[in-house]
Each structure stands twice: as C-alpha cells, then as structure tokens.
Amino acid sequence: MILHTSAYPYPVLEEERFDYKNAEYSIKQVREEENHIYLEHRLLGAEFLIELLKNKKAKFVTTVVVKEALYRETFSDIEEEISANRIVQKIPLLKEGVNHSFYAHLVYVGEDEEFELNYDDMDEFWRGKKIKLFKGSVLAKDGWRDLDFGVGDLFKIQKDESLEVSFNTEISLEDGGRIVCFMNKELYDKALKYPTSLQLRSVISHALSQAFLKLSRLDEIPNNFSSILYKLKEHGLDIKSQDFDPIKASLIILPHVLGECDE
C-alpha cells in the first residue's frame, strides 16, 4: 500500500510508507576520526530485504554530497559486518569546515529477477504479488542527513540575567541535543572579554561535569552526543556504568570544547 509517497512497482521501506509492518531502516554516526566518520546501517524486520542481504543481492550504500564543492560520491564498502542486516561503513570527508550531506539507502545489486512476495511483515497489498527487481533498484531509504556536530559545537554559552548563581548547565534536547551553560551577566561578560582565562576554563570544566551527570541519568542519550560517548569510551568511560566519573569525563572533553585539539 502506498500513501502520499512516490510510487514504486515493488515495496520500499522508508518513513511514512506502509509497505512493511514493524520494520525499520536507520543509520547513525557511531564515531569519527580525522577526515572520516563511521556510519552504522541497521535494518530491523523486513524479512524479504534481510534474505536479499544474506544472499548478497542487496547492499547498504551511502551517497555523500558537498554542494559548495560540487562533490558527490557513493560508497558501498563495508568496514565492519556485525550481521547481515547491521554493518558499519567508513566514510571519508572531503575537508573540514564544509557541510556534508549523507543519503543512506539499501540497493538491489543482483541480476534482474522476478520475486513472489509471501511475507507476513509486508502490507497485505503486496502479499501474493509478483514483482521484478532490476539492478540498482532502491529497496530502503533513510533520507538525507547532515554531519553530526563536532564536540566543540555541542557546548553553548548563554547569558541569563535572572540567574542568581554564577552558572547553571542544562541539556537541550532540541535538534539532536546540546549542552547549554547559562551564565549570569557578570560571568558572561567576563567570558566574552577573557575567553582564555583560567577562571572561564574552570567554569566550563565544572559545567561539563554537571552536564555529564545529567546525561548519565537520561533514559536515552540524544543522537548528537555519539562522538562524545565514543571519545569517553576510548578512555575507558561508559556513561551508563555505575562507576561513571563525570569529573574525569569533563577533563577529557574540555580541550575539545576549548578548541585546543583536533576533533
């Protein structure tokens, strides 16, 4: 069944489409390193698509676009295969300081072939139907996404003249998540005037410690913090463990927030 979406002569798994029931295709950025990011493709449900993956007749593919550089490249190589329906790709970045957009999809790579669809997790419209897939047919789509924030971009200072204490830290859940450090007028003005002062460094360290404590208590960590969580795990810190140390975490992330090291 197809409602309010582009028509295909075969079922396609994507958001706001009803060809599959209780199925999902998604990607997320799991870590980053110099000039590369790692994207995890994950397919849940959709028995027909999983069969195609197991039989090497479908591939996870990522297209990268940088509009300002007229750059467009498609990648299908697998860095790590966790299972047939869950893989990690290593995606090179063109250069720092430009906006990268990513389009993740599942593509049919077998020979042109006819299939009879008898799968319980498909909409009844498709059950019993025969379809023909051609090489290059798009089977699932996650849509366009932009590159996750760098660590430094996730920390924001904001003035709050009504604040009775010097500063307070909150986790904003908007736009994928961000740490917001609210400062009273006196401290905020000092931060603008002396951005490299030891006092500001100490404040930001304490603010990060507050933020990590609050993050550790969330049931689900916002997507934008995946890079931070990866950096912490490199140092043996798991934000969900009972012995997680927010002070140690703040000292690890502080140089990235202050721009003292490459992210």
Protein backbone atom coordinates (compact mmCIF):
# COMPACT_ATOMS: atom_id res chain seq x y z
CA MET A 1 0.00 0.00 0.00
CA ILE A 2 1.38 3.42 -0.95
CA LEU A 3 0.11 6.63 0.62
CA HIS A 4 1.39 10.16 -0.06
CA THR A 5 4.79 8.94 -1.28
CA SER A 6 6.44 8.23 -4.61
CA ALA A 7 5.02 5.17 -6.38
CA TYR A 8 7.23 2.12 -6.89
CA PRO A 9 6.29 -1.17 -8.58
CA TYR A 10 7.70 -3.02 -5.54
CA PRO A 11 7.69 -2.47 -1.74
CA VAL A 12 10.10 0.14 -0.31
CA LEU A 13 10.97 0.58 3.35
CA GLU A 14 11.04 4.23 4.43
CA GLU A 15 9.46 6.55 6.96
CA GLU A 16 5.77 7.40 6.38
CA ARG A 17 5.42 4.49 3.97
CA PHE A 18 3.33 1.43 4.78
CA ASP A 19 4.73 -1.33 2.57
CA TYR A 20 6.22 -3.09 5.62
CA LYS A 21 4.89 -3.65 9.12
CA ASN A 22 7.09 -3.43 12.24
CA ALA A 23 10.20 -2.82 10.17
CA GLU A 24 12.77 -0.04 10.27
CA TYR A 25 15.88 1.06 8.41
CA SER A 26 18.12 3.65 10.03
CA ILE A 27 21.67 4.96 10.15
CA LYS A 28 23.62 6.71 12.88
CA GLN A 29 27.09 8.14 13.23
CA VAL A 30 28.90 5.93 15.73
CA ARG A 31 32.29 7.61 15.80
CA GLU A 32 34.63 9.92 13.95
CA GLU A 33 38.34 10.33 13.36
CA GLU A 34 40.50 12.61 11.28
CA ASN A 35 38.91 13.05 7.83
CA HIS A 36 36.49 10.11 8.33
CA ILE A 37 33.23 9.26 10.03
CA TYR A 38 31.75 5.83 10.73
CA LEU A 39 28.09 5.23 9.89
CA GLU A 40 26.14 2.25 11.17
CA HIS A 41 23.35 0.93 8.91
CA ARG A 42 20.72 -1.12 10.71
CA LEU A 43 17.73 -2.98 9.31
CA LEU A 44 15.06 -4.33 11.67
CA GLY A 45 12.29 -6.58 10.38
CA ALA A 46 11.64 -6.71 6.62
CA GLU A 47 12.31 -10.42 6.12
CA PHE A 48 12.43 -10.08 2.32
CA LEU A 49 15.19 -7.47 2.49
CA ILE A 50 17.19 -9.47 5.02
CA GLU A 51 17.02 -12.50 2.71
CA LEU A 52 18.38 -10.38 -0.14
CA LEU A 53 21.24 -9.17 2.08
CA LYS A 54 22.11 -12.72 3.19
CA ASN A 55 22.13 -13.83 -0.46
CA LYS A 56 24.40 -10.90 -1.43
CA LYS A 57 21.68 -9.47 -3.67
CA ALA A 58 21.41 -6.18 -1.77
CA LYS A 59 23.92 -3.69 -0.37
CA PHE A 60 23.89 -0.80 2.06
CA VAL A 61 25.04 2.33 0.23
CA THR A 62 25.84 5.90 1.31
CA THR A 63 25.95 8.88 -1.02
CA VAL A 64 27.91 11.92 0.19
CA VAL A 65 27.26 15.38 -1.22
CA VAL A 66 29.13 18.65 -0.63
CA LYS A 67 27.21 21.24 -2.61
CA GLU A 68 29.71 24.07 -2.35
CA ALA A 69 32.47 21.86 -3.80
CA LEU A 70 30.22 20.21 -6.44
CA TYR A 71 31.21 16.89 -4.82
CA ARG A 72 29.12 13.74 -4.97
CA GLU A 73 30.40 10.25 -4.22
CA THR A 74 28.73 6.92 -3.39
CA PHE A 75 30.27 4.32 -1.06
CA SER A 76 29.30 0.67 -0.60
CA ASP A 77 32.42 -0.83 1.05
CA ILE A 78 31.89 -2.39 4.49
CA GLU A 79 34.30 -1.57 7.32
CA GLU A 80 32.66 -3.93 9.83
CA GLU A 81 29.89 -6.51 9.35
CA ILE A 82 28.10 -7.00 12.66
CA SER A 83 25.41 -9.14 10.96
CA ALA A 84 23.82 -9.35 7.53
CA ASN A 85 21.39 -6.57 8.46
CA ARG A 86 23.77 -4.41 10.51
CA ILE A 87 27.06 -3.02 9.17
CA VAL A 88 29.42 -0.10 9.67
CA GLN A 89 30.85 1.98 6.83
CA LYS A 90 33.95 4.19 6.98
CA ILE A 91 33.11 7.34 5.03
CA PRO A 92 35.86 9.80 4.00
CA LEU A 93 35.18 13.51 4.42
CA LEU A 94 36.14 15.93 1.67
CA LYS A 95 37.63 18.56 4.00
CA GLU A 96 36.98 20.30 7.29
CA GLY A 97 34.70 23.32 7.56
CA VAL A 98 32.23 22.38 4.82
CA ASN A 99 28.75 20.90 5.14
CA HIS A 100 28.50 17.22 4.20
CA SER A 101 25.10 15.68 3.48
CA PHE A 102 24.54 11.93 3.54
CA TYR A 103 21.91 9.79 1.82
CA ALA A 104 21.75 6.21 3.09
CA HIS A 105 19.83 3.52 1.24
CA LEU A 106 19.63 -0.19 0.52
CA VAL A 107 20.12 -1.09 -3.13
CA TYR A 108 19.37 -4.25 -5.11
CA VAL A 109 22.64 -5.47 -6.72
CA GLY A 110 21.57 -8.89 -8.06
CA GLU A 111 20.67 -9.75 -11.62
CA ASP A 112 17.26 -8.67 -12.89
CA GLU A 113 14.89 -11.16 -11.29
CA GLU A 114 11.23 -11.82 -10.52
CA PHE A 115 10.15 -12.49 -6.93
CA GLU A 116 6.91 -13.72 -5.42
CA LEU A 117 6.12 -11.95 -2.16
CA ASN A 118 4.75 -14.10 0.65
CA TYR A 119 5.93 -12.36 3.80
CA ASP A 120 3.81 -11.74 6.89
CA ASP A 121 5.58 -8.46 7.68
CA MET A 122 4.50 -6.88 4.38
CA ASP A 123 1.30 -4.96 3.88
CA GLU A 124 -1.48 -7.18 2.56
CA PHE A 125 -1.40 -5.18 -0.69
CA TRP A 126 1.88 -6.88 -1.60
CA ARG A 127 1.30 -10.39 -0.27
CA GLY A 128 0.99 -12.91 -3.08
CA LYS A 129 2.13 -10.37 -5.68
CA LYS A 130 4.96 -10.97 -8.15
CA ILE A 131 7.45 -8.16 -8.68
CA LYS A 132 10.56 -7.73 -10.78
CA LEU A 133 13.66 -6.09 -9.36
CA PHE A 134 16.30 -4.54 -11.58
CA LYS A 135 19.90 -3.92 -10.60
CA GLY A 136 20.09 -0.55 -8.87
CA SER A 137 16.53 -0.59 -7.50
CA VAL A 138 16.29 1.26 -4.17
CA LEU A 139 14.77 -1.06 -1.54
CA ALA A 140 15.00 1.07 1.63
CA LYS A 141 15.77 4.73 2.34
CA ASP A 142 16.74 6.69 5.43
CA GLY A 143 16.69 10.11 3.75
CA TRP A 144 19.20 12.96 3.73
CA ARG A 145 21.15 13.78 6.89
CA ASP A 146 23.82 16.33 7.73
CA LEU A 147 27.10 15.58 9.50
CA ASP A 148 26.77 15.40 13.30
CA PHE A 149 28.07 18.28 15.38
CA GLY A 150 31.71 18.21 16.39
CA VAL A 151 32.36 18.04 20.12
CA GLY A 152 33.04 21.76 20.39
CA ASP A 153 29.79 22.62 18.58
CA LEU A 154 27.76 20.82 21.24
CA PHE A 155 28.63 23.27 24.03
CA LYS A 156 26.84 26.62 24.03
CA ILE A 157 27.20 29.56 26.45
CA GLN A 158 24.12 31.69 27.00
CA LYS A 159 23.51 34.74 29.21
CA ASP A 160 20.75 34.63 31.82
CA GLU A 161 20.50 37.90 33.73
CA SER A 162 17.92 36.42 36.13
CA LEU A 163 20.32 33.70 37.28
CA GLU A 164 21.13 34.02 41.00
CA VAL A 165 24.13 31.66 40.89
CA SER A 166 27.17 32.13 38.65
CA PHE A 167 26.19 29.47 36.12
CA ASN A 168 23.90 26.51 35.54
CA THR A 169 24.09 23.75 32.95
CA GLU A 170 21.19 22.15 31.10
CA ILE A 171 20.84 19.51 28.38
CA SER A 172 18.81 20.83 25.44
CA LEU A 173 17.04 18.01 23.60
CA GLU A 174 16.25 20.14 20.55
CA ASP A 175 17.95 19.48 17.19
CA GLY A 176 19.57 16.25 18.37
CA GLY A 177 20.89 17.54 21.70
CA ARG A 178 23.32 20.15 23.02
CA ILE A 179 24.88 21.29 26.32
CA VAL A 180 23.83 24.82 27.29
CA CYS A 181 25.74 26.66 30.02
CA PHE A 182 23.68 29.58 31.35
CA MET A 183 25.81 32.34 32.95
CA ASN A 184 24.79 35.38 34.95
CA LYS A 185 25.61 38.77 33.43
CA GLU A 186 28.88 39.29 35.30
CA LEU A 187 30.35 35.91 34.40
CA TYR A 188 29.07 36.06 30.82
CA ASP A 189 30.70 39.48 30.25
CA LYS A 190 33.99 38.14 31.63
CA ALA A 191 33.77 35.13 29.32
CA LEU A 192 33.45 37.42 26.32
CA LYS A 193 36.26 39.70 27.46
CA TYR A 194 38.68 36.99 28.65
CA PRO A 195 37.87 33.83 26.61
CA THR A 196 41.17 32.16 27.52
CA SER A 197 41.17 32.95 31.25
CA LEU A 198 41.77 30.26 33.84
CA GLN A 199 38.50 31.23 35.52
CA LEU A 200 36.50 30.52 32.37
CA ARG A 201 38.35 27.24 31.89
CA SER A 202 37.41 26.21 35.43
CA VAL A 203 33.77 27.21 34.91
CA ILE A 204 33.48 25.25 31.68
CA SER A 205 35.10 22.21 33.33
CA HIS A 206 32.52 22.34 36.14
CA ALA A 207 29.71 22.93 33.63
CA LEU A 208 30.76 19.86 31.65
CA SER A 209 30.82 17.82 34.84
CA GLN A 210 27.23 18.91 35.57
CA ALA A 211 26.22 18.09 32.01
CA PHE A 212 27.71 14.59 32.06
CA LEU A 213 25.98 13.83 35.34
CA LYS A 214 22.64 14.87 33.80
CA LEU A 215 23.34 12.97 30.59
CA SER A 216 24.10 9.81 32.54
CA ARG A 217 20.63 9.98 34.11
CA LEU A 218 18.75 10.22 30.80
CA ASP A 219 16.98 7.08 29.60
CA GLU A 220 18.20 7.77 26.06
CA ILE A 221 21.22 9.88 25.09
CA PRO A 222 20.48 12.35 22.24
CA ASN A 223 21.98 11.43 18.87
CA ASN A 224 24.41 14.38 18.64
CA PHE A 225 26.42 13.07 21.59
CA SER A 226 27.58 9.89 19.83
CA SER A 227 31.03 11.40 19.13
CA ILE A 228 31.47 12.41 22.77
CA LEU A 229 30.42 8.98 24.02
CA TYR A 230 32.93 7.37 21.66
CA LYS A 231 35.74 9.61 22.92
CA LEU A 232 34.88 8.76 26.51
CA LYS A 233 34.88 5.03 25.74
CA GLU A 234 38.37 5.42 24.25
CA HIS A 235 39.40 6.45 27.78
CA GLY A 236 37.53 3.57 29.43
CA LEU A 237 34.48 5.62 30.49
CA ASP A 238 30.95 4.31 29.94
CA ILE A 239 28.37 6.99 30.72
CA LYS A 240 25.81 4.34 31.72
CA SER A 241 28.03 2.42 34.12
CA GLN A 242 27.54 2.75 37.88
CA ASP A 243 31.12 3.96 38.41
CA PHE A 244 30.99 6.64 35.69
CA ASP A 245 33.05 9.68 36.76
CA PRO A 246 31.62 12.96 35.33
CA ILE A 247 34.62 14.95 36.59
CA LYS A 248 37.09 12.75 34.70
CA ALA A 249 34.83 12.93 31.64
CA SER A 250 34.83 16.73 31.77
CA LEU A 251 38.65 16.83 31.85
CA ILE A 252 38.79 14.58 28.76
CA ILE A 253 36.31 16.66 26.75
CA LEU A 254 37.40 20.12 27.95
CA PRO A 255 40.26 20.56 25.41
CA HIS A 256 37.85 19.79 22.56
CA VAL A 257 35.33 22.37 23.79
CA LEU A 258 38.09 24.99 24.12
CA GLY A 259 39.43 24.16 20.66
CA GLU A 260 42.82 23.04 21.98
CA CYS A 261 42.93 19.82 19.98
CA ASP A 262 41.63 18.35 16.74
CA GLU A 263 38.28 16.64 16.98
